[in-house]
Amino acid sequence: MGYQPQKCGKSGVAATVGQGNRTFLLRADMDALPVCEMVDIPWKSTIENVMHACGHDVHTACLLGAARILND
């Protein structure tokens, strides 16, 4: 998308676009919960008792969509 991402903190990524006096921040997170996944699906967690169960994948996808729109 043309961004120059940089590491931010322990596991984050930050990128900026444009310059000037007006600034805003978009944030999304993706983490896991200590939950046992009880289904047999191809995208099931491979780590026992760790599951992406709370919609953070959608948060990340929405952030990337917004980043694309803002950069255009």
N, C-alpha and C. Protein backbone atom coordinates (compact mmCIF):
# COMPACT_ATOMS: atom_id res chain seq x y z
N MET A 1 0.80 -1.20 0.00
CA MET A 1 0.00 0.00 0.00
C MET A 1 0.84 1.26 0.00
N GLY A 2 2.15 1.11 0.04
CA GLY A 2 3.01 2.28 0.00
C GLY A 2 3.46 2.81 1.34
N TYR A 3 3.02 2.18 2.42
CA TYR A 3 3.43 2.61 3.76
C TYR A 3 4.84 2.11 4.06
N GLN A 4 5.48 2.76 5.01
CA GLN A 4 6.79 2.33 5.49
C GLN A 4 6.63 1.92 6.96
N PRO A 5 6.15 0.70 7.21
CA PRO A 5 5.90 0.30 8.60
C PRO A 5 7.18 0.19 9.41
N GLN A 6 7.06 0.51 10.70
CA GLN A 6 8.19 0.43 11.62
C GLN A 6 7.72 -0.29 12.88
N LYS A 7 8.63 -1.04 13.50
CA LYS A 7 8.30 -1.70 14.75
C LYS A 7 7.96 -0.66 15.81
N CYS A 8 7.00 -1.03 16.67
CA CYS A 8 6.55 -0.13 17.73
C CYS A 8 6.29 -0.96 18.97
N GLY A 9 7.09 -0.78 20.00
CA GLY A 9 6.91 -1.57 21.22
C GLY A 9 7.34 -3.00 21.02
N LYS A 10 6.78 -3.88 21.83
CA LYS A 10 7.18 -5.29 21.83
C LYS A 10 6.71 -6.05 20.59
N SER A 11 5.48 -5.80 20.16
CA SER A 11 4.95 -6.58 19.04
C SER A 11 4.09 -5.75 18.09
N GLY A 12 4.20 -4.43 18.16
CA GLY A 12 3.37 -3.57 17.34
C GLY A 12 4.04 -3.12 16.06
N VAL A 13 3.25 -2.52 15.21
CA VAL A 13 3.72 -1.94 13.96
C VAL A 13 3.03 -0.58 13.81
N ALA A 14 3.78 0.42 13.39
CA ALA A 14 3.22 1.76 13.17
C ALA A 14 3.61 2.23 11.78
N ALA A 15 2.71 2.99 11.16
CA ALA A 15 3.00 3.58 9.86
C ALA A 15 2.29 4.92 9.77
N THR A 16 2.88 5.87 9.07
CA THR A 16 2.27 7.18 8.91
C THR A 16 2.09 7.46 7.42
N VAL A 17 1.17 8.37 7.15
CA VAL A 17 0.95 8.83 5.78
C VAL A 17 0.73 10.33 5.83
N GLY A 18 1.32 11.05 4.90
CA GLY A 18 1.14 12.50 4.82
C GLY A 18 1.89 13.22 5.91
N GLN A 19 1.67 14.54 5.94
CA GLN A 19 2.28 15.39 6.95
C GLN A 19 1.42 16.62 7.14
N GLY A 20 1.67 17.37 8.17
CA GLY A 20 0.88 18.57 8.44
C GLY A 20 0.44 18.65 9.88
N ASN A 21 -0.49 19.57 10.14
CA ASN A 21 -0.93 19.83 11.51
C ASN A 21 -2.04 18.91 11.99
N ARG A 22 -2.79 18.34 11.07
CA ARG A 22 -3.91 17.47 11.47
C ARG A 22 -3.43 16.03 11.57
N THR A 23 -3.70 15.45 12.72
CA THR A 23 -3.23 14.09 12.98
C THR A 23 -4.34 13.27 13.61
N PHE A 24 -4.43 12.02 13.23
CA PHE A 24 -5.31 11.10 13.93
C PHE A 24 -4.67 9.72 13.91
N LEU A 25 -5.16 8.87 14.78
CA LEU A 25 -4.60 7.55 14.98
C LEU A 25 -5.66 6.50 14.74
N LEU A 26 -5.30 5.47 14.04
CA LEU A 26 -6.14 4.29 13.91
C LEU A 26 -5.42 3.15 14.62
N ARG A 27 -6.15 2.37 15.38
CA ARG A 27 -5.53 1.28 16.14
C ARG A 27 -6.35 0.02 15.99
N ALA A 28 -5.66 -1.09 15.86
CA ALA A 28 -6.32 -2.39 15.89
C ALA A 28 -5.40 -3.35 16.65
N ASP A 29 -6.00 -4.39 17.19
CA ASP A 29 -5.19 -5.35 17.90
C ASP A 29 -5.56 -6.76 17.48
N MET A 30 -4.62 -7.64 17.67
CA MET A 30 -4.87 -9.04 17.40
C MET A 30 -4.13 -9.83 18.47
N ASP A 31 -4.88 -10.55 19.26
CA ASP A 31 -4.27 -11.36 20.29
C ASP A 31 -5.07 -12.64 20.45
N ALA A 32 -4.75 -13.40 21.45
CA ALA A 32 -5.42 -14.67 21.66
C ALA A 32 -5.93 -14.75 23.09
N LEU A 33 -6.87 -15.66 23.30
CA LEU A 33 -7.44 -15.87 24.62
C LEU A 33 -7.08 -17.27 25.11
N PRO A 34 -7.01 -17.46 26.42
CA PRO A 34 -6.71 -18.79 26.97
C PRO A 34 -7.96 -19.67 26.94
N VAL A 35 -8.33 -20.10 25.74
CA VAL A 35 -9.54 -20.88 25.52
C VAL A 35 -9.18 -22.12 24.71
N CYS A 36 -9.77 -23.25 25.06
CA CYS A 36 -9.55 -24.48 24.31
C CYS A 36 -10.49 -24.50 23.10
N GLU A 37 -9.93 -24.60 21.92
CA GLU A 37 -10.73 -24.62 20.69
C GLU A 37 -11.27 -26.03 20.47
N MET A 38 -12.59 -26.18 20.46
CA MET A 38 -13.22 -27.49 20.44
C MET A 38 -13.79 -27.86 19.06
N VAL A 39 -13.22 -27.32 18.00
CA VAL A 39 -13.70 -27.63 16.65
C VAL A 39 -12.56 -28.20 15.83
N ASP A 40 -12.92 -28.84 14.72
CA ASP A 40 -11.90 -29.40 13.84
C ASP A 40 -12.00 -28.68 12.49
N ILE A 41 -11.31 -27.55 12.39
CA ILE A 41 -11.32 -26.74 11.17
C ILE A 41 -9.88 -26.46 10.75
N PRO A 42 -9.63 -26.19 9.47
CA PRO A 42 -8.26 -25.98 9.00
C PRO A 42 -7.54 -24.82 9.67
N TRP A 43 -8.28 -23.78 10.10
CA TRP A 43 -7.63 -22.60 10.69
C TRP A 43 -7.60 -22.65 12.21
N LYS A 44 -7.85 -23.83 12.78
CA LYS A 44 -7.81 -24.01 14.23
C LYS A 44 -6.41 -23.69 14.76
N SER A 45 -6.35 -23.13 15.94
CA SER A 45 -5.07 -22.82 16.57
C SER A 45 -4.24 -24.08 16.73
N THR A 46 -2.97 -23.95 16.49
CA THR A 46 -2.05 -25.08 16.66
C THR A 46 -1.42 -25.07 18.05
N ILE A 47 -1.78 -24.09 18.87
CA ILE A 47 -1.25 -23.99 20.23
C ILE A 47 -2.36 -24.37 21.20
N GLU A 48 -2.12 -25.38 22.01
CA GLU A 48 -3.13 -25.89 22.93
C GLU A 48 -3.57 -24.80 23.91
N ASN A 49 -4.89 -24.69 24.09
CA ASN A 49 -5.52 -23.74 25.01
C ASN A 49 -5.23 -22.27 24.69
N VAL A 50 -5.00 -21.97 23.42
CA VAL A 50 -4.83 -20.59 22.95
C VAL A 50 -5.67 -20.45 21.69
N MET A 51 -6.57 -19.46 21.67
CA MET A 51 -7.53 -19.35 20.58
C MET A 51 -7.80 -17.88 20.24
N HIS A 52 -7.89 -17.56 18.97
CA HIS A 52 -8.33 -16.24 18.52
C HIS A 52 -9.85 -16.28 18.44
N ALA A 53 -10.49 -15.86 19.51
CA ALA A 53 -11.93 -16.07 19.62
C ALA A 53 -12.74 -14.80 19.79
N CYS A 54 -12.12 -13.63 19.69
CA CYS A 54 -12.88 -12.44 20.06
C CYS A 54 -12.93 -11.37 18.96
N GLY A 55 -12.71 -11.72 17.72
CA GLY A 55 -12.93 -10.79 16.64
C GLY A 55 -11.77 -9.88 16.29
N HIS A 56 -10.63 -10.07 16.90
CA HIS A 56 -9.50 -9.18 16.61
C HIS A 56 -9.00 -9.31 15.18
N ASP A 57 -9.18 -10.48 14.58
CA ASP A 57 -8.80 -10.62 13.17
C ASP A 57 -9.59 -9.64 12.31
N VAL A 58 -10.86 -9.45 12.63
CA VAL A 58 -11.70 -8.49 11.91
C VAL A 58 -11.20 -7.07 12.16
N HIS A 59 -10.80 -6.77 13.39
CA HIS A 59 -10.28 -5.44 13.70
C HIS A 59 -9.08 -5.13 12.80
N THR A 60 -8.19 -6.09 12.65
CA THR A 60 -6.99 -5.89 11.83
C THR A 60 -7.37 -5.71 10.37
N ALA A 61 -8.30 -6.51 9.87
CA ALA A 61 -8.74 -6.38 8.48
C ALA A 61 -9.38 -5.02 8.22
N CYS A 62 -10.19 -4.54 9.17
CA CYS A 62 -10.82 -3.22 9.03
C CYS A 62 -9.77 -2.11 9.03
N LEU A 63 -8.76 -2.24 9.89
CA LEU A 63 -7.70 -1.24 9.93
C LEU A 63 -6.96 -1.19 8.60
N LEU A 64 -6.64 -2.35 8.03
CA LEU A 64 -5.94 -2.37 6.74
C LEU A 64 -6.81 -1.78 5.64
N GLY A 65 -8.12 -2.03 5.69
CA GLY A 65 -9.02 -1.42 4.72
C GLY A 65 -9.03 0.10 4.83
N ALA A 66 -9.09 0.60 6.06
CA ALA A 66 -9.06 2.04 6.28
C ALA A 66 -7.73 2.64 5.82
N ALA A 67 -6.64 1.94 6.10
CA ALA A 67 -5.32 2.41 5.67
C ALA A 67 -5.24 2.52 4.15
N ARG A 68 -5.83 1.56 3.45
CA ARG A 68 -5.84 1.62 1.98
C ARG A 68 -6.63 2.82 1.49
N ILE A 69 -7.79 3.04 2.07
CA ILE A 69 -8.63 4.18 1.66
C ILE A 69 -7.93 5.50 1.94
N LEU A 70 -7.34 5.64 3.11
CA LEU A 70 -6.65 6.88 3.47
C LEU A 70 -5.45 7.14 2.55
N ASN A 71 -4.76 6.10 2.19
CA ASN A 71 -3.59 6.29 1.33
C ASN A 71 -3.99 6.64 -0.10
N ASP A 72 -5.16 6.16 -0.53
CA ASP A 72 -5.64 6.50 -1.88
C ASP A 72 -6.06 7.94 -1.92
